[in-house]
Amino acid sequence: EIMGGILPALGFAITLTVIGKRNLIPFFIIGFFAVMYLGLDTMAVAIFATCVALLMNLFRMKEEAA
């Protein structure tokens, strides 16, 4: 029972150490709340996040070219 309570916190901590970059942590937290509190499907959030990342990359490439 104790281990069951610790596992979510441990998973959260491991994920944050893997991400490690300060500029990615807000996206992780937004995705976490979208899945946990809004009840969205994990796959839907992943697909949406991929689209947002691709768009951000596209706009960044256009700014660098200009």
N, C-alpha and C. Protein backbone atom coordinates (compact mmCIF):
# COMPACT_ATOMS: atom_id res chain seq x y z
N GLU A 1 0.83 -1.19 0.00
CA GLU A 1 0.00 0.00 0.00
C GLU A 1 0.88 1.26 0.00
N ILE A 2 1.93 1.23 0.78
CA ILE A 2 2.83 2.39 0.82
C ILE A 2 3.52 2.57 -0.52
N MET A 3 3.96 1.46 -1.10
CA MET A 3 4.66 1.53 -2.39
C MET A 3 3.73 2.05 -3.48
N GLY A 4 2.45 1.69 -3.41
CA GLY A 4 1.48 2.19 -4.39
C GLY A 4 1.33 3.69 -4.33
N GLY A 5 1.51 4.27 -3.16
CA GLY A 5 1.43 5.72 -3.02
C GLY A 5 2.69 6.42 -3.47
N ILE A 6 3.81 5.71 -3.40
CA ILE A 6 5.09 6.31 -3.78
C ILE A 6 5.33 6.25 -5.29
N LEU A 7 4.82 5.24 -5.95
CA LEU A 7 5.10 5.03 -7.37
C LEU A 7 4.74 6.21 -8.27
N PRO A 8 3.57 6.84 -8.12
CA PRO A 8 3.30 8.01 -8.99
C PRO A 8 4.30 9.14 -8.81
N ALA A 9 4.68 9.42 -7.56
CA ALA A 9 5.66 10.48 -7.32
C ALA A 9 7.01 10.10 -7.89
N LEU A 10 7.38 8.83 -7.78
CA LEU A 10 8.66 8.38 -8.33
C LEU A 10 8.66 8.50 -9.85
N GLY A 11 7.58 8.12 -10.49
CA GLY A 11 7.48 8.25 -11.95
C GLY A 11 7.56 9.69 -12.39
N PHE A 12 6.90 10.57 -11.67
CA PHE A 12 6.94 12.00 -11.97
C PHE A 12 8.36 12.52 -11.86
N ALA A 13 9.07 12.14 -10.79
CA ALA A 13 10.44 12.59 -10.57
C ALA A 13 11.39 12.06 -11.64
N ILE A 14 11.23 10.80 -12.01
CA ILE A 14 12.10 10.22 -13.04
C ILE A 14 11.88 10.92 -14.38
N THR A 15 10.63 11.19 -14.71
CA THR A 15 10.34 11.88 -15.97
C THR A 15 10.95 13.27 -15.98
N LEU A 16 10.86 13.99 -14.88
CA LEU A 16 11.45 15.33 -14.82
C LEU A 16 12.97 15.28 -14.95
N THR A 17 13.61 14.26 -14.39
CA THR A 17 15.07 14.17 -14.53
C THR A 17 15.47 13.80 -15.95
N VAL A 18 14.64 13.03 -16.63
CA VAL A 18 14.94 12.67 -18.02
C VAL A 18 14.78 13.88 -18.92
N ILE A 19 13.71 14.65 -18.71
CA ILE A 19 13.49 15.85 -19.53
C ILE A 19 14.62 16.83 -19.27
N GLY A 20 14.82 17.21 -18.01
CA GLY A 20 15.97 17.97 -17.58
C GLY A 20 16.12 19.39 -18.10
N LYS A 21 15.57 19.73 -19.22
CA LYS A 21 15.74 21.07 -19.76
C LYS A 21 14.63 21.97 -19.22
N ARG A 22 15.03 23.12 -18.73
CA ARG A 22 14.07 24.03 -18.12
C ARG A 22 13.01 24.52 -19.10
N ASN A 23 13.36 24.64 -20.37
CA ASN A 23 12.39 25.15 -21.34
C ASN A 23 11.36 24.09 -21.73
N LEU A 24 11.56 22.81 -21.38
CA LEU A 24 10.59 21.77 -21.70
C LEU A 24 9.65 21.45 -20.54
N ILE A 25 10.00 21.86 -19.34
CA ILE A 25 9.20 21.52 -18.16
C ILE A 25 7.77 22.09 -18.23
N PRO A 26 7.54 23.32 -18.71
CA PRO A 26 6.15 23.79 -18.80
C PRO A 26 5.29 22.91 -19.72
N PHE A 27 5.86 22.41 -20.79
CA PHE A 27 5.09 21.54 -21.69
C PHE A 27 4.75 20.22 -21.00
N PHE A 28 5.68 19.71 -20.21
CA PHE A 28 5.43 18.48 -19.46
C PHE A 28 4.30 18.69 -18.46
N ILE A 29 4.32 19.81 -17.75
CA ILE A 29 3.30 20.07 -16.74
C ILE A 29 1.93 20.28 -17.39
N ILE A 30 1.89 20.98 -18.51
CA ILE A 30 0.62 21.18 -19.23
C ILE A 30 0.06 19.83 -19.69
N GLY A 31 0.91 18.98 -20.23
CA GLY A 31 0.47 17.65 -20.66
C GLY A 31 0.00 16.80 -19.50
N PHE A 32 0.69 16.89 -18.37
CA PHE A 32 0.31 16.13 -17.18
C PHE A 32 -1.08 16.53 -16.72
N PHE A 33 -1.33 17.84 -16.62
CA PHE A 33 -2.64 18.29 -16.17
C PHE A 33 -3.73 17.99 -17.20
N ALA A 34 -3.38 18.03 -18.47
CA ALA A 34 -4.38 17.71 -19.50
C ALA A 34 -4.83 16.26 -19.39
N VAL A 35 -3.90 15.37 -19.07
CA VAL A 35 -4.26 13.95 -18.96
C VAL A 35 -4.94 13.66 -17.63
N MET A 36 -4.37 14.17 -16.54
CA MET A 36 -4.86 13.79 -15.22
C MET A 36 -6.15 14.52 -14.82
N TYR A 37 -6.21 15.81 -15.03
CA TYR A 37 -7.33 16.58 -14.49
C TYR A 37 -8.41 16.89 -15.52
N LEU A 38 -8.04 17.00 -16.78
CA LEU A 38 -9.06 17.23 -17.81
C LEU A 38 -9.61 15.92 -18.36
N GLY A 39 -8.93 14.82 -18.05
CA GLY A 39 -9.42 13.51 -18.46
C GLY A 39 -9.21 13.21 -19.94
N LEU A 40 -8.28 13.91 -20.57
CA LEU A 40 -8.02 13.65 -21.98
C LEU A 40 -7.24 12.36 -22.15
N ASP A 41 -7.39 11.75 -23.30
CA ASP A 41 -6.68 10.53 -23.60
C ASP A 41 -5.19 10.83 -23.81
N THR A 42 -4.33 9.95 -23.32
CA THR A 42 -2.89 10.16 -23.43
C THR A 42 -2.45 10.25 -24.88
N MET A 43 -2.99 9.42 -25.75
CA MET A 43 -2.61 9.43 -27.16
C MET A 43 -3.05 10.72 -27.83
N ALA A 44 -4.22 11.23 -27.48
CA ALA A 44 -4.69 12.49 -28.06
C ALA A 44 -3.78 13.64 -27.65
N VAL A 45 -3.36 13.66 -26.40
CA VAL A 45 -2.46 14.72 -25.94
C VAL A 45 -1.11 14.59 -26.64
N ALA A 46 -0.63 13.37 -26.83
CA ALA A 46 0.66 13.16 -27.51
C ALA A 46 0.60 13.63 -28.96
N ILE A 47 -0.48 13.33 -29.65
CA ILE A 47 -0.62 13.76 -31.04
C ILE A 47 -0.72 15.28 -31.12
N PHE A 48 -1.49 15.88 -30.23
CA PHE A 48 -1.62 17.34 -30.20
C PHE A 48 -0.27 18.00 -29.89
N ALA A 49 0.47 17.44 -28.94
CA ALA A 49 1.78 17.99 -28.57
C ALA A 49 2.76 17.87 -29.72
N THR A 50 2.70 16.78 -30.46
CA THR A 50 3.57 16.62 -31.62
C THR A 50 3.27 17.67 -32.68
N CYS A 51 2.00 17.92 -32.92
CA CYS A 51 1.63 18.95 -33.89
C CYS A 51 2.10 20.34 -33.45
N VAL A 52 1.94 20.65 -32.18
CA VAL A 52 2.39 21.94 -31.66
C VAL A 52 3.90 22.06 -31.80
N ALA A 53 4.64 21.00 -31.48
CA ALA A 53 6.10 21.02 -31.59
C ALA A 53 6.54 21.23 -33.03
N LEU A 54 5.88 20.58 -33.96
CA LEU A 54 6.22 20.74 -35.38
C LEU A 54 5.94 22.17 -35.84
N LEU A 55 4.82 22.74 -35.41
CA LEU A 55 4.51 24.12 -35.79
C LEU A 55 5.50 25.11 -35.18
N MET A 56 5.86 24.89 -33.92
CA MET A 56 6.85 25.78 -33.30
C MET A 56 8.18 25.70 -34.02
N ASN A 57 8.58 24.51 -34.41
CA ASN A 57 9.83 24.32 -35.14
C ASN A 57 9.77 24.99 -36.51
N LEU A 58 8.64 24.87 -37.18
CA LEU A 58 8.46 25.49 -38.49
C LEU A 58 8.57 27.00 -38.40
N PHE A 59 7.90 27.61 -37.41
CA PHE A 59 7.95 29.05 -37.25
C PHE A 59 9.35 29.52 -36.84
N ARG A 60 10.05 28.74 -36.05
CA ARG A 60 11.41 29.10 -35.64
C ARG A 60 12.34 29.06 -36.85
N MET A 61 12.15 28.08 -37.73
CA MET A 61 12.99 27.99 -38.94
C MET A 61 12.73 29.18 -39.86
N LYS A 62 11.45 29.62 -39.97
CA LYS A 62 11.13 30.77 -40.80
C LYS A 62 11.74 32.05 -40.24
N GLU A 63 11.76 32.19 -38.91
CA GLU A 63 12.36 33.38 -38.31
C GLU A 63 13.87 33.41 -38.54
N GLU A 64 14.52 32.26 -38.48
CA GLU A 64 15.96 32.21 -38.69
C GLU A 64 16.33 32.48 -40.14
N ALA A 65 15.46 32.11 -41.07
CA ALA A 65 15.72 32.32 -42.49
C ALA A 65 15.54 33.79 -42.87
N ALA A 66 14.69 34.49 -42.15
CA ALA A 66 14.41 35.89 -42.50
C ALA A 66 15.47 36.84 -42.05
